[in-house]
Amino acid sequence: METINILGTNYKIVIKKYDEEESFKRREIDAFCDGYAKEIVVCDMSTYPGWNHELHDTLVPYQKAKLRHEIVHAFLFESGLAQHSGETDAWALNEEMVDWFACQGPKIYAAWKTADCL
């Protein structure tokens, strides 16, 4: 179990097997961020139904992408945006928007680093 700092709040990162977390099956998900429990849970995709025969080179990048996605959710939660975005169709909970940040974050970081503006 690892801990990361999200805007001054520590979040636990937990990798669980599919059968160890009832939320995976109940909610038909493979990762989630619980802003109240301060925990990010990602499924070990080698245990997820239908993914057990995928290549390691597929599973690892997918799990990392899911972790980035859930970290973005944590940042939005800790900044107060997730709870108060309802007046604009809950944009801060929109999965496409969160995915955009999670996918583009490494590229944005690299550009900032190249421009020496971190």
N, C-alpha and C. Protein backbone atom coordinates (compact mmCIF):
# COMPACT_ATOMS: atom_id res chain seq x y z
N MET A 1 0.84 -1.18 0.00
CA MET A 1 0.00 0.00 0.00
C MET A 1 0.89 1.24 0.00
N GLU A 2 0.58 2.14 -0.86
CA GLU A 2 1.33 3.37 -1.03
C GLU A 2 0.45 4.55 -0.62
N THR A 3 1.08 5.64 -0.22
CA THR A 3 0.35 6.85 0.13
C THR A 3 0.87 8.00 -0.73
N ILE A 4 -0.05 8.81 -1.27
CA ILE A 4 0.35 10.00 -2.02
C ILE A 4 -0.35 11.21 -1.43
N ASN A 5 0.24 12.35 -1.66
CA ASN A 5 -0.31 13.60 -1.15
C ASN A 5 -1.11 14.28 -2.25
N ILE A 6 -2.37 14.54 -1.96
CA ILE A 6 -3.25 15.24 -2.89
C ILE A 6 -3.67 16.55 -2.22
N LEU A 7 -3.08 17.64 -2.65
CA LEU A 7 -3.39 18.97 -2.11
C LEU A 7 -3.38 19.00 -0.58
N GLY A 8 -2.38 18.35 0.00
CA GLY A 8 -2.22 18.36 1.45
C GLY A 8 -2.92 17.24 2.19
N THR A 9 -3.62 16.39 1.48
CA THR A 9 -4.33 15.27 2.09
C THR A 9 -3.72 13.96 1.60
N ASN A 10 -3.42 13.06 2.52
CA ASN A 10 -2.86 11.77 2.15
C ASN A 10 -3.95 10.80 1.70
N TYR A 11 -3.70 10.18 0.56
CA TYR A 11 -4.59 9.16 0.00
C TYR A 11 -3.82 7.85 -0.06
N LYS A 12 -4.47 6.77 0.36
CA LYS A 12 -3.90 5.44 0.21
C LYS A 12 -4.18 4.95 -1.21
N ILE A 13 -3.18 4.35 -1.82
CA ILE A 13 -3.37 3.68 -3.11
C ILE A 13 -3.33 2.19 -2.83
N VAL A 14 -4.39 1.52 -3.21
CA VAL A 14 -4.52 0.09 -2.94
C VAL A 14 -4.80 -0.64 -4.25
N ILE A 15 -4.03 -1.67 -4.52
CA ILE A 15 -4.29 -2.56 -5.66
C ILE A 15 -4.94 -3.80 -5.08
N LYS A 16 -6.16 -4.11 -5.57
CA LYS A 16 -6.89 -5.28 -5.07
C LYS A 16 -7.23 -6.22 -6.20
N LYS A 17 -7.29 -7.50 -5.85
CA LYS A 17 -7.80 -8.48 -6.79
C LYS A 17 -9.30 -8.28 -6.94
N TYR A 18 -9.81 -8.68 -8.09
CA TYR A 18 -11.23 -8.49 -8.40
C TYR A 18 -12.13 -9.01 -7.29
N ASP A 19 -11.84 -10.20 -6.78
CA ASP A 19 -12.69 -10.82 -5.76
C ASP A 19 -12.50 -10.21 -4.36
N GLU A 20 -11.51 -9.37 -4.17
CA GLU A 20 -11.26 -8.74 -2.87
C GLU A 20 -12.06 -7.45 -2.66
N GLU A 21 -12.67 -6.94 -3.73
CA GLU A 21 -13.38 -5.66 -3.63
C GLU A 21 -14.76 -5.79 -4.26
N GLU A 22 -15.79 -5.80 -3.42
CA GLU A 22 -17.15 -6.02 -3.93
C GLU A 22 -17.61 -4.89 -4.85
N SER A 23 -17.05 -3.72 -4.72
CA SER A 23 -17.45 -2.59 -5.57
C SER A 23 -17.15 -2.85 -7.04
N PHE A 24 -16.10 -3.61 -7.34
CA PHE A 24 -15.77 -3.89 -8.73
C PHE A 24 -16.95 -4.57 -9.44
N LYS A 25 -17.49 -5.59 -8.82
CA LYS A 25 -18.59 -6.31 -9.44
C LYS A 25 -19.90 -5.52 -9.34
N ARG A 26 -20.20 -5.00 -8.16
CA ARG A 26 -21.47 -4.31 -7.94
C ARG A 26 -21.62 -3.09 -8.85
N ARG A 27 -20.55 -2.34 -9.02
CA ARG A 27 -20.62 -1.11 -9.80
C ARG A 27 -20.09 -1.27 -11.22
N GLU A 28 -19.64 -2.49 -11.56
CA GLU A 28 -19.08 -2.80 -12.88
C GLU A 28 -17.95 -1.83 -13.24
N ILE A 29 -16.97 -1.73 -12.32
CA ILE A 29 -15.83 -0.83 -12.49
C ILE A 29 -14.53 -1.58 -12.25
N ASP A 30 -13.42 -0.96 -12.56
CA ASP A 30 -12.13 -1.57 -12.28
C ASP A 30 -11.22 -0.65 -11.48
N ALA A 31 -11.75 0.48 -11.03
CA ALA A 31 -11.00 1.40 -10.17
C ALA A 31 -11.97 2.44 -9.63
N PHE A 32 -11.60 3.05 -8.49
CA PHE A 32 -12.41 4.14 -7.97
C PHE A 32 -11.61 4.97 -6.98
N CYS A 33 -12.08 6.19 -6.80
CA CYS A 33 -11.50 7.10 -5.81
C CYS A 33 -12.59 7.37 -4.79
N ASP A 34 -12.29 7.11 -3.53
CA ASP A 34 -13.22 7.42 -2.45
C ASP A 34 -12.66 8.64 -1.71
N GLY A 35 -13.20 9.80 -2.04
CA GLY A 35 -12.73 11.04 -1.46
C GLY A 35 -13.02 11.17 0.02
N TYR A 36 -13.99 10.43 0.51
CA TYR A 36 -14.32 10.49 1.94
C TYR A 36 -13.40 9.58 2.75
N ALA A 37 -13.09 8.41 2.21
CA ALA A 37 -12.18 7.48 2.90
C ALA A 37 -10.72 7.80 2.58
N LYS A 38 -10.49 8.71 1.63
CA LYS A 38 -9.13 9.09 1.21
C LYS A 38 -8.37 7.87 0.71
N GLU A 39 -9.01 7.20 -0.25
CA GLU A 39 -8.44 5.97 -0.77
C GLU A 39 -8.70 5.86 -2.27
N ILE A 40 -7.69 5.41 -2.98
CA ILE A 40 -7.81 5.11 -4.41
C ILE A 40 -7.59 3.61 -4.55
N VAL A 41 -8.55 2.95 -5.16
CA VAL A 41 -8.49 1.49 -5.30
C VAL A 41 -8.49 1.15 -6.79
N VAL A 42 -7.50 0.36 -7.20
CA VAL A 42 -7.36 -0.06 -8.59
C VAL A 42 -7.34 -1.58 -8.61
N CYS A 43 -8.06 -2.15 -9.56
CA CYS A 43 -8.10 -3.61 -9.68
C CYS A 43 -6.81 -4.12 -10.32
N ASP A 44 -6.30 -5.21 -9.77
CA ASP A 44 -5.23 -5.97 -10.42
C ASP A 44 -5.89 -6.61 -11.63
N MET A 45 -5.64 -6.03 -12.80
CA MET A 45 -6.39 -6.42 -13.99
C MET A 45 -6.13 -7.86 -14.41
N SER A 46 -5.09 -8.48 -13.92
CA SER A 46 -4.87 -9.90 -14.25
C SER A 46 -5.92 -10.78 -13.56
N THR A 47 -6.67 -10.20 -12.60
CA THR A 47 -7.72 -10.94 -11.90
C THR A 47 -9.12 -10.52 -12.35
N TYR A 48 -9.20 -9.53 -13.24
CA TYR A 48 -10.50 -9.02 -13.70
C TYR A 48 -11.06 -9.96 -14.76
N PRO A 49 -12.34 -10.36 -14.64
CA PRO A 49 -12.91 -11.29 -15.61
C PRO A 49 -12.74 -10.80 -17.05
N GLY A 50 -12.20 -11.69 -17.88
CA GLY A 50 -11.98 -11.36 -19.28
C GLY A 50 -10.61 -10.77 -19.57
N TRP A 51 -9.89 -10.37 -18.54
CA TRP A 51 -8.57 -9.76 -18.73
C TRP A 51 -7.44 -10.72 -18.32
N ASN A 52 -7.76 -11.89 -17.82
CA ASN A 52 -6.75 -12.79 -17.27
C ASN A 52 -5.77 -13.33 -18.32
N HIS A 53 -6.08 -13.20 -19.60
CA HIS A 53 -5.18 -13.69 -20.64
C HIS A 53 -4.48 -12.55 -21.39
N GLU A 54 -4.68 -11.32 -20.93
CA GLU A 54 -4.04 -10.18 -21.59
C GLU A 54 -2.54 -10.19 -21.29
N LEU A 55 -1.79 -9.62 -22.18
CA LEU A 55 -0.35 -9.54 -22.02
C LEU A 55 0.02 -8.56 -20.90
N HIS A 56 1.13 -8.84 -20.25
CA HIS A 56 1.66 -7.94 -19.21
C HIS A 56 1.85 -6.53 -19.77
N ASP A 57 2.28 -6.44 -21.04
CA ASP A 57 2.51 -5.15 -21.67
C ASP A 57 1.21 -4.39 -21.95
N THR A 58 0.09 -5.04 -21.80
CA THR A 58 -1.21 -4.39 -21.90
C THR A 58 -1.71 -4.04 -20.51
N LEU A 59 -1.58 -4.98 -19.58
CA LEU A 59 -2.12 -4.80 -18.23
C LEU A 59 -1.46 -3.66 -17.47
N VAL A 60 -0.15 -3.58 -17.51
CA VAL A 60 0.57 -2.57 -16.72
C VAL A 60 0.22 -1.15 -17.17
N PRO A 61 0.30 -0.82 -18.46
CA PRO A 61 -0.07 0.54 -18.86
C PRO A 61 -1.54 0.86 -18.58
N TYR A 62 -2.41 -0.13 -18.71
CA TYR A 62 -3.82 0.10 -18.43
C TYR A 62 -4.02 0.44 -16.96
N GLN A 63 -3.39 -0.32 -16.06
CA GLN A 63 -3.52 -0.04 -14.62
C GLN A 63 -2.96 1.33 -14.28
N LYS A 64 -1.85 1.72 -14.90
CA LYS A 64 -1.27 3.04 -14.66
C LYS A 64 -2.22 4.14 -15.14
N ALA A 65 -2.86 3.92 -16.28
CA ALA A 65 -3.83 4.90 -16.79
C ALA A 65 -5.02 5.02 -15.83
N LYS A 66 -5.46 3.89 -15.30
CA LYS A 66 -6.58 3.93 -14.33
C LYS A 66 -6.17 4.68 -13.07
N LEU A 67 -4.94 4.47 -12.60
CA LEU A 67 -4.46 5.16 -11.42
C LEU A 67 -4.38 6.66 -11.67
N ARG A 68 -3.86 7.08 -12.84
CA ARG A 68 -3.83 8.51 -13.16
C ARG A 68 -5.24 9.09 -13.15
N HIS A 69 -6.17 8.37 -13.74
CA HIS A 69 -7.57 8.80 -13.79
C HIS A 69 -8.12 9.03 -12.38
N GLU A 70 -7.90 8.08 -11.50
CA GLU A 70 -8.44 8.20 -10.14
C GLU A 70 -7.72 9.29 -9.35
N ILE A 71 -6.45 9.53 -9.63
CA ILE A 71 -5.73 10.63 -8.98
C ILE A 71 -6.34 11.96 -9.39
N VAL A 72 -6.73 12.10 -10.65
CA VAL A 72 -7.41 13.33 -11.10
C VAL A 72 -8.71 13.50 -10.32
N HIS A 73 -9.46 12.42 -10.15
CA HIS A 73 -10.69 12.50 -9.33
C HIS A 73 -10.35 13.01 -7.92
N ALA A 74 -9.26 12.50 -7.34
CA ALA A 74 -8.87 12.93 -5.99
C ALA A 74 -8.55 14.42 -5.95
N PHE A 75 -7.83 14.91 -6.94
CA PHE A 75 -7.52 16.35 -6.99
C PHE A 75 -8.80 17.17 -7.09
N LEU A 76 -9.73 16.75 -7.92
CA LEU A 76 -10.99 17.48 -8.05
C LEU A 76 -11.78 17.43 -6.75
N PHE A 77 -11.77 16.28 -6.08
CA PHE A 77 -12.49 16.15 -4.82
C PHE A 77 -11.87 17.06 -3.76
N GLU A 78 -10.55 17.00 -3.62
CA GLU A 78 -9.88 17.78 -2.58
C GLU A 78 -9.95 19.28 -2.83
N SER A 79 -10.10 19.68 -4.08
CA SER A 79 -10.19 21.11 -4.38
C SER A 79 -11.62 21.62 -4.23
N GLY A 80 -12.55 20.72 -3.93
CA GLY A 80 -13.93 21.11 -3.72
C GLY A 80 -14.75 21.15 -4.99
N LEU A 81 -14.14 20.84 -6.11
CA LEU A 81 -14.85 20.94 -7.38
C LEU A 81 -15.83 19.80 -7.61
N ALA A 82 -15.52 18.61 -7.15
CA ALA A 82 -16.41 17.47 -7.38
C ALA A 82 -17.75 17.67 -6.67
N GLN A 83 -17.70 18.20 -5.46
CA GLN A 83 -18.91 18.37 -4.67
C GLN A 83 -19.78 19.52 -5.16
N HIS A 84 -19.18 20.47 -5.83
CA HIS A 84 -19.92 21.69 -6.17
C HIS A 84 -20.01 21.94 -7.67
N SER A 85 -19.93 20.89 -8.46
CA SER A 85 -20.01 21.08 -9.91
C SER A 85 -21.40 20.79 -10.45
N GLY A 86 -22.34 20.49 -9.58
CA GLY A 86 -23.69 20.11 -10.01
C GLY A 86 -24.44 21.18 -10.76
N GLU A 87 -24.13 22.44 -10.51
CA GLU A 87 -24.84 23.51 -11.20
C GLU A 87 -24.49 23.57 -12.68
N THR A 88 -23.41 22.90 -13.08
CA THR A 88 -23.01 22.89 -14.48
C THR A 88 -22.91 21.44 -14.97
N ASP A 89 -23.92 20.67 -14.73
CA ASP A 89 -23.98 19.27 -15.15
C ASP A 89 -22.82 18.43 -14.61
N ALA A 90 -22.40 18.73 -13.39
CA ALA A 90 -21.37 17.95 -12.69
C ALA A 90 -20.13 17.72 -13.54
N TRP A 91 -19.63 18.78 -14.16
CA TRP A 91 -18.47 18.66 -15.04
C TRP A 91 -17.27 18.02 -14.34
N ALA A 92 -17.11 18.26 -13.05
CA ALA A 92 -15.94 17.72 -12.35
C ALA A 92 -16.06 16.23 -12.06
N LEU A 93 -17.22 15.66 -12.30
CA LEU A 93 -17.40 14.22 -12.16
C LEU A 93 -17.50 13.53 -13.52
N ASN A 94 -17.43 14.31 -14.59
CA ASN A 94 -17.57 13.78 -15.93
C ASN A 94 -16.37 12.89 -16.27
N GLU A 95 -16.63 11.65 -16.60
CA GLU A 95 -15.56 10.69 -16.84
C GLU A 95 -14.70 11.06 -18.05
N GLU A 96 -15.30 11.63 -19.08
CA GLU A 96 -14.53 12.01 -20.26
C GLU A 96 -13.55 13.13 -19.93
N MET A 97 -14.01 14.10 -19.14
CA MET A 97 -13.14 15.21 -18.76
C MET A 97 -12.00 14.70 -17.88
N VAL A 98 -12.32 13.85 -16.93
CA VAL A 98 -11.28 13.29 -16.05
C VAL A 98 -10.30 12.46 -16.87
N ASP A 99 -10.80 11.67 -17.80
CA ASP A 99 -9.92 10.88 -18.67
C ASP A 99 -9.00 11.78 -19.49
N TRP A 100 -9.51 12.91 -19.98
CA TRP A 100 -8.69 13.82 -20.75
C TRP A 100 -7.49 14.28 -19.92
N PHE A 101 -7.75 14.72 -18.68
CA PHE A 101 -6.66 15.15 -17.81
C PHE A 101 -5.69 14.00 -17.53
N ALA A 102 -6.24 12.82 -17.26
CA ALA A 102 -5.39 11.67 -16.94
C ALA A 102 -4.53 11.27 -18.14
N CYS A 103 -5.07 11.33 -19.33
CA CYS A 103 -4.31 10.95 -20.54
C CYS A 103 -3.31 12.03 -20.93
N GLN A 104 -3.69 13.28 -20.81
CA GLN A 104 -2.84 14.36 -21.27
C GLN A 104 -1.87 14.87 -20.21
N GLY A 105 -2.10 14.52 -18.94
CA GLY A 105 -1.26 15.00 -17.85
C GLY A 105 0.23 14.75 -18.07
N PRO A 106 0.64 13.53 -18.42
CA PRO A 106 2.08 13.30 -18.64
C PRO A 106 2.64 14.17 -19.76
N LYS A 107 1.86 14.41 -20.79
CA LYS A 107 2.32 15.24 -21.91
C LYS A 107 2.40 16.71 -21.49
N ILE A 108 1.43 17.15 -20.73
CA ILE A 108 1.45 18.52 -20.22
C ILE A 108 2.66 18.71 -19.30
N TYR A 109 2.89 17.76 -18.40
CA TYR A 109 4.03 17.82 -17.50
C TYR A 109 5.34 17.90 -18.30
N ALA A 110 5.47 17.05 -19.32
CA ALA A 110 6.69 17.05 -20.13
C ALA A 110 6.90 18.40 -20.81
N ALA A 111 5.81 18.99 -21.30
CA ALA A 111 5.92 20.31 -21.95
C ALA A 111 6.34 21.37 -20.93
N TRP A 112 5.76 21.34 -19.75
CA TRP A 112 6.12 22.30 -18.71
C TRP A 112 7.59 22.12 -18.32
N LYS A 113 8.02 20.86 -18.21
CA LYS A 113 9.40 20.59 -17.84
C LYS A 113 10.35 21.11 -18.92
N THR A 114 10.02 20.85 -20.19
CA THR A 114 10.84 21.34 -21.29
C THR A 114 10.92 22.86 -21.29
N ALA A 115 9.80 23.51 -20.99
CA ALA A 115 9.74 24.97 -20.98
C ALA A 115 10.32 25.56 -19.70
N ASP A 116 10.76 24.69 -18.77
CA ASP A 116 11.32 25.11 -17.50
C ASP A 116 10.37 26.04 -16.73
N CYS A 117 9.12 25.63 -16.65
CA CYS A 117 8.14 26.47 -15.95
C CYS A 117 7.41 25.70 -14.84
N LEU A 118 8.07 24.71 -14.28
CA LEU A 118 7.46 23.95 -13.17
C LEU A 118 7.65 24.68 -11.85
